[in-house]
């Protein structure tokens, strides 16, 4: 898969709100948002995001099959005004798996790009394409010396978040 067209599309998508002069990003008042995720770093997960102005810190914990645990910490930047806000971010995603063969773990660089939509007061829906690249792996099989695959892996994710008062 060629990623150059994807990066150009993402750059155009992110640059559009910046062309609105005088507009200030407004993802809502400062504070915490709590939510449920589907896809992205896990099949299902729970998230907490702290917002301050147009920036946020997102912490998500989840699992793919209840034999693993995923933890992601991402810094986000929201762009543009309105109830639908594009965002991009960067952070780390760690996974520890506990199969019958032994324990394995991986550390991944994560860069989500997506949209956050305020559907009603204090309720938000979001979607993101998470571009991931492996940084480190500890395989459960000690005889497996396969090198870490360093290609970019896109994973879509969706969420619902509720903002506290």
N, C-alpha and C. Protein backbone atom coordinates (compact mmCIF):
# COMPACT_ATOMS: atom_id res chain seq x y z
N UNK A 1 0.84 -1.17 0.00
CA UNK A 1 0.00 0.00 0.00
C UNK A 1 0.89 1.24 0.00
N UNK A 2 0.61 2.15 -0.89
CA UNK A 2 1.36 3.39 -0.97
C UNK A 2 0.77 4.40 0.00
N UNK A 3 1.61 4.95 0.88
CA UNK A 3 1.11 5.84 1.91
C UNK A 3 1.19 7.32 1.54
N UNK A 4 1.91 7.68 0.46
CA UNK A 4 2.03 9.09 0.08
C UNK A 4 0.67 9.73 -0.19
N UNK A 5 -0.23 9.09 -0.98
CA UNK A 5 -1.56 9.70 -1.18
C UNK A 5 -2.34 9.85 0.12
N UNK A 6 -2.21 8.89 1.02
CA UNK A 6 -2.90 8.98 2.31
C UNK A 6 -2.39 10.17 3.11
N UNK A 7 -1.07 10.39 3.15
CA UNK A 7 -0.51 11.52 3.89
C UNK A 7 -0.95 12.84 3.27
N UNK A 8 -1.01 12.94 1.94
CA UNK A 8 -1.47 14.17 1.29
C UNK A 8 -2.93 14.45 1.63
N UNK A 9 -3.75 13.42 1.65
CA UNK A 9 -5.15 13.58 2.01
C UNK A 9 -5.29 14.05 3.45
N UNK A 10 -4.52 13.46 4.34
CA UNK A 10 -4.56 13.86 5.76
C UNK A 10 -4.10 15.30 5.92
N UNK A 11 -3.04 15.71 5.23
CA UNK A 11 -2.57 17.09 5.33
C UNK A 11 -3.62 18.08 4.82
N UNK A 12 -4.27 17.76 3.71
CA UNK A 12 -5.33 18.63 3.19
C UNK A 12 -6.49 18.72 4.17
N UNK A 13 -6.84 17.59 4.75
CA UNK A 13 -7.93 17.52 5.73
C UNK A 13 -7.61 18.39 6.95
N UNK A 14 -6.38 18.33 7.42
CA UNK A 14 -5.99 19.09 8.60
C UNK A 14 -5.77 20.57 8.30
N UNK A 15 -5.38 20.92 7.08
CA UNK A 15 -5.10 22.31 6.74
C UNK A 15 -6.37 23.12 6.51
N UNK A 16 -7.47 22.48 6.13
CA UNK A 16 -8.71 23.20 5.84
C UNK A 16 -9.17 24.08 6.99
N UNK A 17 -9.25 23.57 8.23
CA UNK A 17 -9.70 24.45 9.33
C UNK A 17 -8.73 25.59 9.63
N UNK A 18 -7.45 25.39 9.32
CA UNK A 18 -6.47 26.44 9.59
C UNK A 18 -6.67 27.65 8.69
N UNK A 19 -7.36 27.47 7.56
CA UNK A 19 -7.59 28.57 6.65
C UNK A 19 -8.68 29.51 7.15
N UNK A 20 -9.40 29.14 8.20
CA UNK A 20 -10.44 29.99 8.78
C UNK A 20 -9.78 30.99 9.72
N UNK A 21 -9.49 32.18 9.21
CA UNK A 21 -8.81 33.18 10.03
C UNK A 21 -9.73 33.69 11.12
N UNK A 22 -9.16 33.87 12.30
CA UNK A 22 -9.92 34.39 13.41
C UNK A 22 -10.71 33.33 14.16
N UNK A 23 -10.80 32.15 13.62
CA UNK A 23 -11.56 31.08 14.29
C UNK A 23 -10.68 30.42 15.33
N UNK A 24 -11.25 30.18 16.50
CA UNK A 24 -10.48 29.53 17.55
C UNK A 24 -11.03 28.13 17.78
N UNK A 25 -10.17 27.16 17.97
CA UNK A 25 -10.64 25.81 18.25
C UNK A 25 -11.44 25.77 19.54
N UNK A 26 -12.52 24.99 19.56
CA UNK A 26 -13.35 24.92 20.75
C UNK A 26 -13.94 23.52 20.91
N UNK A 27 -13.18 22.57 21.48
CA UNK A 27 -13.74 21.25 21.72
C UNK A 27 -14.59 21.20 22.98
N UNK A 28 -14.89 22.36 23.55
CA UNK A 28 -15.70 22.40 24.77
C UNK A 28 -14.88 22.96 25.91
N UNK A 29 -15.51 23.12 27.07
CA UNK A 29 -14.77 23.66 28.21
C UNK A 29 -13.70 22.69 28.71
N UNK A 30 -12.73 23.27 29.41
CA UNK A 30 -11.68 22.44 30.02
C UNK A 30 -12.31 21.43 30.97
N UNK A 31 -11.70 20.26 31.05
CA UNK A 31 -12.20 19.25 31.96
C UNK A 31 -12.02 17.85 31.40
N UNK A 32 -12.71 16.91 32.02
CA UNK A 32 -12.57 15.50 31.67
C UNK A 32 -13.74 15.01 30.82
N UNK A 33 -13.42 14.08 29.91
CA UNK A 33 -14.44 13.34 29.16
C UNK A 33 -14.17 11.86 29.38
N UNK A 34 -15.23 11.10 29.60
CA UNK A 34 -15.13 9.66 29.87
C UNK A 34 -15.85 8.93 28.75
N UNK A 35 -15.31 7.77 28.32
CA UNK A 35 -15.95 7.12 27.19
C UNK A 35 -15.66 5.65 27.03
N UNK A 36 -16.25 5.13 25.95
CA UNK A 36 -16.12 3.75 25.54
C UNK A 36 -15.58 3.76 24.11
N UNK A 37 -14.61 2.88 23.82
CA UNK A 37 -14.03 2.81 22.49
C UNK A 37 -14.32 1.47 21.83
N UNK A 38 -14.31 1.47 20.52
CA UNK A 38 -14.48 0.26 19.72
C UNK A 38 -13.46 0.32 18.59
N UNK A 39 -12.53 -0.62 18.57
CA UNK A 39 -11.47 -0.61 17.56
C UNK A 39 -10.31 0.27 18.00
N UNK A 40 -9.37 0.47 17.10
CA UNK A 40 -8.19 1.26 17.44
C UNK A 40 -7.17 0.41 18.17
N UNK A 41 -7.01 0.63 19.48
CA UNK A 41 -6.00 -0.11 20.25
C UNK A 41 -6.54 -1.41 20.83
N UNK A 42 -7.86 -1.63 20.75
CA UNK A 42 -8.45 -2.84 21.32
C UNK A 42 -9.84 -3.04 20.71
N UNK A 43 -10.38 -4.24 20.91
CA UNK A 43 -11.74 -4.49 20.44
C UNK A 43 -12.71 -3.57 21.17
N UNK A 44 -12.57 -3.50 22.51
CA UNK A 44 -13.39 -2.61 23.32
C UNK A 44 -12.51 -2.04 24.43
N UNK A 45 -12.77 -0.78 24.81
CA UNK A 45 -11.95 -0.15 25.83
C UNK A 45 -12.67 0.96 26.55
N UNK A 46 -12.04 1.46 27.59
CA UNK A 46 -12.54 2.59 28.36
C UNK A 46 -11.51 3.71 28.25
N UNK A 47 -12.01 4.95 28.13
CA UNK A 47 -11.08 6.06 27.95
C UNK A 47 -11.41 7.22 28.87
N UNK A 48 -10.38 7.98 29.18
CA UNK A 48 -10.48 9.24 29.91
C UNK A 48 -9.64 10.24 29.14
N UNK A 49 -10.22 11.39 28.86
CA UNK A 49 -9.49 12.44 28.16
C UNK A 49 -9.59 13.72 28.97
N UNK A 50 -8.44 14.36 29.17
CA UNK A 50 -8.42 15.66 29.82
C UNK A 50 -8.23 16.71 28.74
N UNK A 51 -9.15 17.67 28.66
CA UNK A 51 -9.07 18.75 27.67
C UNK A 51 -8.68 20.05 28.34
N UNK A 52 -7.82 20.79 27.67
CA UNK A 52 -7.45 22.13 28.10
C UNK A 52 -7.30 22.96 26.84
N UNK A 53 -8.28 23.82 26.58
CA UNK A 53 -8.28 24.58 25.35
C UNK A 53 -8.49 23.66 24.16
N UNK A 54 -7.62 23.75 23.17
CA UNK A 54 -7.74 22.92 21.98
C UNK A 54 -6.85 21.68 22.04
N UNK A 55 -6.30 21.38 23.21
CA UNK A 55 -5.42 20.22 23.37
C UNK A 55 -5.98 19.25 24.38
N UNK A 56 -5.60 17.98 24.23
CA UNK A 56 -6.07 16.97 25.16
C UNK A 56 -5.04 15.87 25.38
N UNK A 57 -5.19 15.19 26.50
CA UNK A 57 -4.42 13.98 26.80
C UNK A 57 -5.44 12.86 26.93
N UNK A 58 -5.30 11.84 26.11
CA UNK A 58 -6.25 10.72 26.05
C UNK A 58 -5.58 9.46 26.57
N UNK A 59 -6.18 8.83 27.58
CA UNK A 59 -5.68 7.57 28.14
C UNK A 59 -6.78 6.52 27.91
N UNK A 60 -6.42 5.43 27.25
CA UNK A 60 -7.38 4.37 26.94
C UNK A 60 -6.83 3.03 27.40
N UNK A 61 -7.68 2.24 28.05
CA UNK A 61 -7.34 0.88 28.47
C UNK A 61 -8.37 -0.04 27.84
N UNK A 62 -7.89 -1.14 27.23
CA UNK A 62 -8.81 -2.06 26.58
C UNK A 62 -8.24 -3.45 26.42
N UNK A 63 -8.98 -4.28 25.69
CA UNK A 63 -8.56 -5.65 25.45
C UNK A 63 -9.11 -6.13 24.11
N UNK A 64 -8.38 -7.05 23.48
CA UNK A 64 -8.84 -7.67 22.24
C UNK A 64 -9.64 -8.93 22.53
N UNK A 65 -9.19 -9.75 23.47
CA UNK A 65 -9.85 -11.05 23.70
C UNK A 65 -9.81 -11.47 25.17
N UNK A 66 -9.70 -10.52 26.08
CA UNK A 66 -9.64 -10.77 27.52
C UNK A 66 -8.44 -11.63 27.93
N UNK A 67 -7.49 -11.83 27.04
CA UNK A 67 -6.23 -12.50 27.37
C UNK A 67 -5.07 -11.55 27.14
N UNK A 68 -5.40 -10.26 27.08
CA UNK A 68 -4.40 -9.23 26.86
C UNK A 68 -4.92 -7.93 27.47
N UNK A 69 -4.03 -6.99 27.63
CA UNK A 69 -4.43 -5.66 28.08
C UNK A 69 -3.65 -4.64 27.25
N UNK A 70 -4.38 -3.63 26.77
CA UNK A 70 -3.79 -2.55 25.97
C UNK A 70 -3.89 -1.25 26.75
N UNK A 71 -2.85 -0.45 26.70
CA UNK A 71 -2.84 0.87 27.32
C UNK A 71 -2.25 1.86 26.33
N UNK A 72 -2.97 2.94 26.10
CA UNK A 72 -2.51 3.97 25.17
C UNK A 72 -2.58 5.33 25.84
N UNK A 73 -1.55 6.13 25.62
CA UNK A 73 -1.53 7.53 26.07
C UNK A 73 -1.19 8.37 24.86
N UNK A 74 -2.09 9.31 24.52
CA UNK A 74 -1.93 10.12 23.31
C UNK A 74 -2.18 11.58 23.62
N UNK A 75 -1.32 12.45 23.12
CA UNK A 75 -1.56 13.89 23.15
C UNK A 75 -2.29 14.26 21.87
N UNK A 76 -3.34 15.08 21.98
CA UNK A 76 -4.17 15.44 20.83
C UNK A 76 -4.22 16.95 20.64
N UNK A 77 -4.38 17.34 19.37
CA UNK A 77 -4.60 18.74 19.01
C UNK A 77 -5.89 18.79 18.19
N UNK A 78 -6.87 19.57 18.64
CA UNK A 78 -8.13 19.77 17.92
C UNK A 78 -8.01 21.01 17.06
N UNK A 79 -8.65 20.99 15.88
CA UNK A 79 -8.53 22.08 14.92
C UNK A 79 -9.89 22.63 14.55
N UNK A 80 -9.98 23.95 14.41
CA UNK A 80 -11.18 24.59 13.90
C UNK A 80 -12.27 24.79 14.93
N UNK A 81 -13.28 25.62 14.57
CA UNK A 81 -14.42 25.86 15.44
C UNK A 81 -15.58 24.92 15.09
N UNK A 82 -16.59 24.90 15.93
CA UNK A 82 -17.81 24.18 15.59
C UNK A 82 -18.01 22.92 16.40
N UNK A 83 -19.08 22.19 16.05
CA UNK A 83 -19.43 20.96 16.76
C UNK A 83 -18.74 19.74 16.17
N UNK A 84 -18.15 19.88 14.97
CA UNK A 84 -17.37 18.80 14.37
C UNK A 84 -15.93 19.29 14.25
N UNK A 85 -15.03 18.63 14.98
CA UNK A 85 -13.64 19.08 15.02
C UNK A 85 -12.69 18.00 14.54
N UNK A 86 -11.85 18.29 13.56
CA UNK A 86 -10.79 17.35 13.21
C UNK A 86 -9.71 17.39 14.29
N UNK A 87 -8.98 16.30 14.42
CA UNK A 87 -7.89 16.26 15.38
C UNK A 87 -6.78 15.37 14.85
N UNK A 88 -5.60 15.55 15.42
CA UNK A 88 -4.48 14.65 15.19
C UNK A 88 -3.75 14.51 16.52
N UNK A 89 -2.97 13.46 16.64
CA UNK A 89 -2.26 13.24 17.88
C UNK A 89 -1.07 12.33 17.69
N UNK A 90 -0.34 12.15 18.77
CA UNK A 90 0.79 11.24 18.78
C UNK A 90 0.96 10.71 20.20
N UNK A 91 1.33 9.44 20.29
CA UNK A 91 1.51 8.85 21.60
C UNK A 91 2.04 7.44 21.52
N UNK A 92 1.94 6.72 22.62
CA UNK A 92 2.44 5.35 22.71
C UNK A 92 1.31 4.40 23.07
N UNK A 93 1.43 3.18 22.58
CA UNK A 93 0.46 2.13 22.83
C UNK A 93 1.24 0.89 23.25
N UNK A 94 0.92 0.36 24.41
CA UNK A 94 1.56 -0.86 24.89
C UNK A 94 0.54 -1.97 25.03
N UNK A 95 0.95 -3.18 24.68
CA UNK A 95 0.08 -4.35 24.79
C UNK A 95 0.86 -5.44 25.51
N UNK A 96 0.20 -6.07 26.48
CA UNK A 96 0.76 -7.26 27.14
C UNK A 96 -0.25 -8.38 26.92
N UNK A 97 0.20 -9.48 26.34
CA UNK A 97 -0.67 -10.63 26.05
C UNK A 97 -0.27 -11.79 26.95
N UNK A 98 -1.26 -12.59 27.33
CA UNK A 98 -1.05 -13.69 28.25
C UNK A 98 -1.59 -15.01 27.67
N UNK A 99 -1.05 -15.46 26.52
CA UNK A 99 -1.51 -16.73 25.96
C UNK A 99 -0.96 -17.90 26.79
N UNK A 100 -1.42 -19.10 26.48
CA UNK A 100 -0.97 -20.29 27.22
C UNK A 100 0.52 -20.54 27.06
N UNK A 101 1.11 -20.10 25.94
CA UNK A 101 2.53 -20.34 25.67
C UNK A 101 3.45 -19.48 26.53
N UNK A 102 2.96 -18.36 27.04
CA UNK A 102 3.80 -17.45 27.81
C UNK A 102 3.35 -16.02 27.61
N UNK A 103 4.06 -15.10 28.23
CA UNK A 103 3.69 -13.69 28.15
C UNK A 103 4.47 -13.00 27.04
N UNK A 104 3.80 -12.15 26.30
CA UNK A 104 4.44 -11.35 25.27
C UNK A 104 4.00 -9.90 25.41
N UNK A 105 4.80 -8.99 24.88
CA UNK A 105 4.44 -7.58 24.96
C UNK A 105 5.02 -6.83 23.77
N UNK A 106 4.44 -5.66 23.52
CA UNK A 106 4.87 -4.84 22.40
C UNK A 106 4.65 -3.37 22.75
N UNK A 107 5.50 -2.50 22.21
CA UNK A 107 5.36 -1.06 22.35
C UNK A 107 5.26 -0.48 20.95
N UNK A 108 4.25 0.37 20.74
CA UNK A 108 3.93 0.88 19.40
C UNK A 108 3.81 2.39 19.45
N UNK A 109 4.36 3.06 18.43
CA UNK A 109 4.15 4.49 18.23
C UNK A 109 2.80 4.64 17.55
N UNK A 110 1.94 5.52 18.07
CA UNK A 110 0.57 5.65 17.58
C UNK A 110 0.30 7.09 17.18
N UNK A 111 -0.30 7.29 16.00
CA UNK A 111 -0.64 8.63 15.52
C UNK A 111 -2.08 8.63 14.99
N UNK A 112 -3.05 8.99 15.84
CA UNK A 112 -4.43 9.03 15.37
C UNK A 112 -4.75 10.33 14.63
N UNK A 113 -5.57 10.23 13.60
CA UNK A 113 -6.10 11.36 12.86
C UNK A 113 -7.59 11.11 12.73
N UNK A 114 -8.42 12.08 13.14
CA UNK A 114 -9.85 11.80 13.10
C UNK A 114 -10.73 13.01 13.28
N UNK A 115 -12.01 12.73 13.59
CA UNK A 115 -13.04 13.75 13.77
C UNK A 115 -13.76 13.50 15.10
N UNK A 116 -14.11 14.57 15.78
CA UNK A 116 -14.84 14.53 17.04
C UNK A 116 -16.11 15.35 16.83
N UNK A 117 -17.28 14.76 17.09
CA UNK A 117 -18.55 15.40 16.81
C UNK A 117 -19.38 15.49 18.08
N UNK A 118 -19.76 16.72 18.45
CA UNK A 118 -20.63 16.91 19.61
C UNK A 118 -22.06 16.70 19.13
N UNK A 119 -22.65 15.55 19.49
CA UNK A 119 -23.99 15.21 18.98
C UNK A 119 -25.09 15.92 19.76
N UNK A 120 -24.95 16.02 21.05
CA UNK A 120 -25.84 16.80 21.92
C UNK A 120 -24.96 17.35 23.04
N UNK A 121 -25.54 18.19 23.86
CA UNK A 121 -24.76 18.79 24.96
C UNK A 121 -24.11 17.69 25.80
N UNK A 122 -22.78 17.78 25.96
CA UNK A 122 -21.96 16.87 26.78
C UNK A 122 -21.81 15.47 26.22
N UNK A 123 -22.25 15.17 25.00
CA UNK A 123 -22.07 13.85 24.38
C UNK A 123 -21.36 14.00 23.04
N UNK A 124 -20.37 13.12 22.83
CA UNK A 124 -19.52 13.22 21.65
C UNK A 124 -19.35 11.85 21.00
N UNK A 125 -19.34 11.83 19.67
CA UNK A 125 -18.97 10.65 18.90
C UNK A 125 -17.69 10.98 18.16
N UNK A 126 -16.85 9.99 17.97
CA UNK A 126 -15.61 10.23 17.26
C UNK A 126 -15.18 9.03 16.46
N UNK A 127 -14.37 9.31 15.45
CA UNK A 127 -13.77 8.26 14.61
C UNK A 127 -12.35 8.69 14.29
N UNK A 128 -11.46 7.71 14.25
CA UNK A 128 -10.06 8.02 13.96
C UNK A 128 -9.42 6.88 13.18
N UNK A 129 -8.47 7.24 12.36
CA UNK A 129 -7.59 6.27 11.73
C UNK A 129 -6.28 6.37 12.48
N UNK A 130 -5.90 5.29 13.13
CA UNK A 130 -4.69 5.24 13.93
C UNK A 130 -3.57 4.65 13.08
N UNK A 131 -2.55 5.44 12.81
CA UNK A 131 -1.39 4.96 12.07
C UNK A 131 -0.38 4.51 13.13
N UNK A 132 0.01 3.24 13.06
CA UNK A 132 0.85 2.63 14.09
C UNK A 132 2.15 2.10 13.50
N UNK A 133 3.21 2.15 14.31
CA UNK A 133 4.50 1.59 13.91
C UNK A 133 5.14 0.94 15.14
N UNK A 134 5.48 -0.32 15.02
CA UNK A 134 6.09 -1.04 16.12
C UNK A 134 7.45 -0.49 16.49
N UNK A 135 7.72 -0.39 17.79
CA UNK A 135 9.01 0.09 18.29
C UNK A 135 9.81 -1.01 18.97
N UNK A 136 9.11 -1.90 19.69
CA UNK A 136 9.79 -2.93 20.48
C UNK A 136 8.84 -4.09 20.67
N UNK A 137 9.37 -5.32 20.71
CA UNK A 137 8.54 -6.50 20.93
C UNK A 137 9.28 -7.52 21.80
N UNK A 138 8.53 -8.16 22.67
CA UNK A 138 9.01 -9.30 23.45
C UNK A 138 8.03 -10.44 23.15
N UNK A 139 8.48 -11.42 22.38
CA UNK A 139 7.59 -12.50 21.96
C UNK A 139 7.42 -13.54 23.06
N UNK A 140 6.24 -14.19 23.06
CA UNK A 140 5.97 -15.21 24.07
C UNK A 140 6.79 -16.47 23.84
N UNK A 141 7.20 -16.71 22.59
CA UNK A 141 8.02 -17.87 22.26
C UNK A 141 9.49 -17.44 22.25
N UNK A 142 10.32 -17.89 23.21
CA UNK A 142 11.73 -17.44 23.27
C UNK A 142 12.56 -17.89 22.07
N UNK A 143 12.12 -18.90 21.33
CA UNK A 143 12.88 -19.35 20.16
C UNK A 143 12.53 -18.54 18.91
N UNK A 144 11.48 -17.72 18.97
CA UNK A 144 11.06 -16.90 17.83
C UNK A 144 11.95 -15.67 17.75
N UNK A 145 12.84 -15.65 16.80
CA UNK A 145 13.77 -14.53 16.62
C UNK A 145 13.38 -13.64 15.44
N UNK A 146 12.12 -13.73 15.00
CA UNK A 146 11.64 -12.92 13.88
C UNK A 146 11.81 -11.44 14.23
N UNK A 147 12.40 -10.66 13.31
CA UNK A 147 12.56 -9.23 13.61
C UNK A 147 11.21 -8.51 13.62
N UNK A 148 11.16 -7.40 14.33
CA UNK A 148 9.96 -6.59 14.43
C UNK A 148 9.63 -6.01 13.06
N UNK A 149 8.38 -6.14 12.66
CA UNK A 149 7.92 -5.55 11.41
C UNK A 149 7.73 -4.06 11.65
N UNK A 150 8.43 -3.22 10.92
CA UNK A 150 8.40 -1.78 11.17
C UNK A 150 7.54 -1.02 10.18
N UNK A 151 6.67 -1.71 9.45
CA UNK A 151 5.82 -1.00 8.50
C UNK A 151 4.70 -0.27 9.24
N UNK A 152 4.10 0.73 8.58
CA UNK A 152 2.99 1.47 9.15
C UNK A 152 1.72 0.64 9.03
N UNK A 153 0.97 0.56 10.10
CA UNK A 153 -0.26 -0.24 10.13
C UNK A 153 -1.43 0.67 10.50
N UNK A 154 -2.40 0.86 9.59
CA UNK A 154 -3.57 1.67 9.93
C UNK A 154 -4.63 0.83 10.63
N UNK A 155 -5.20 1.35 11.71
CA UNK A 155 -6.29 0.69 12.44
C UNK A 155 -7.38 1.72 12.72
N UNK A 156 -8.61 1.48 12.22
CA UNK A 156 -9.70 2.42 12.51
C UNK A 156 -10.24 2.21 13.92
N UNK A 157 -10.74 3.28 14.51
CA UNK A 157 -11.34 3.22 15.83
C UNK A 157 -12.48 4.20 15.96
N UNK A 158 -13.42 3.90 16.85
CA UNK A 158 -14.59 4.74 17.08
C UNK A 158 -14.79 4.90 18.58
N UNK A 159 -15.45 5.99 18.99
CA UNK A 159 -15.68 6.18 20.41
C UNK A 159 -16.94 6.99 20.67
N UNK A 160 -17.44 6.84 21.89
CA UNK A 160 -18.47 7.71 22.46
C UNK A 160 -17.88 8.28 23.74
N UNK A 161 -18.03 9.58 23.94
CA UNK A 161 -17.53 10.22 25.16
C UNK A 161 -18.58 11.12 25.76
N UNK A 162 -18.56 11.16 27.08
CA UNK A 162 -19.45 12.02 27.84
C UNK A 162 -18.60 12.98 28.66
N UNK A 163 -18.94 14.26 28.59
CA UNK A 163 -18.18 15.28 29.32
C UNK A 163 -18.85 15.55 30.66
N UNK A 164 -18.07 15.46 31.73
CA UNK A 164 -18.56 15.79 33.05
C UNK A 164 -18.83 17.28 33.16
N UNK A 165 -19.57 17.70 34.15
CA UNK A 165 -19.90 19.12 34.29
C UNK A 165 -18.79 19.96 34.81
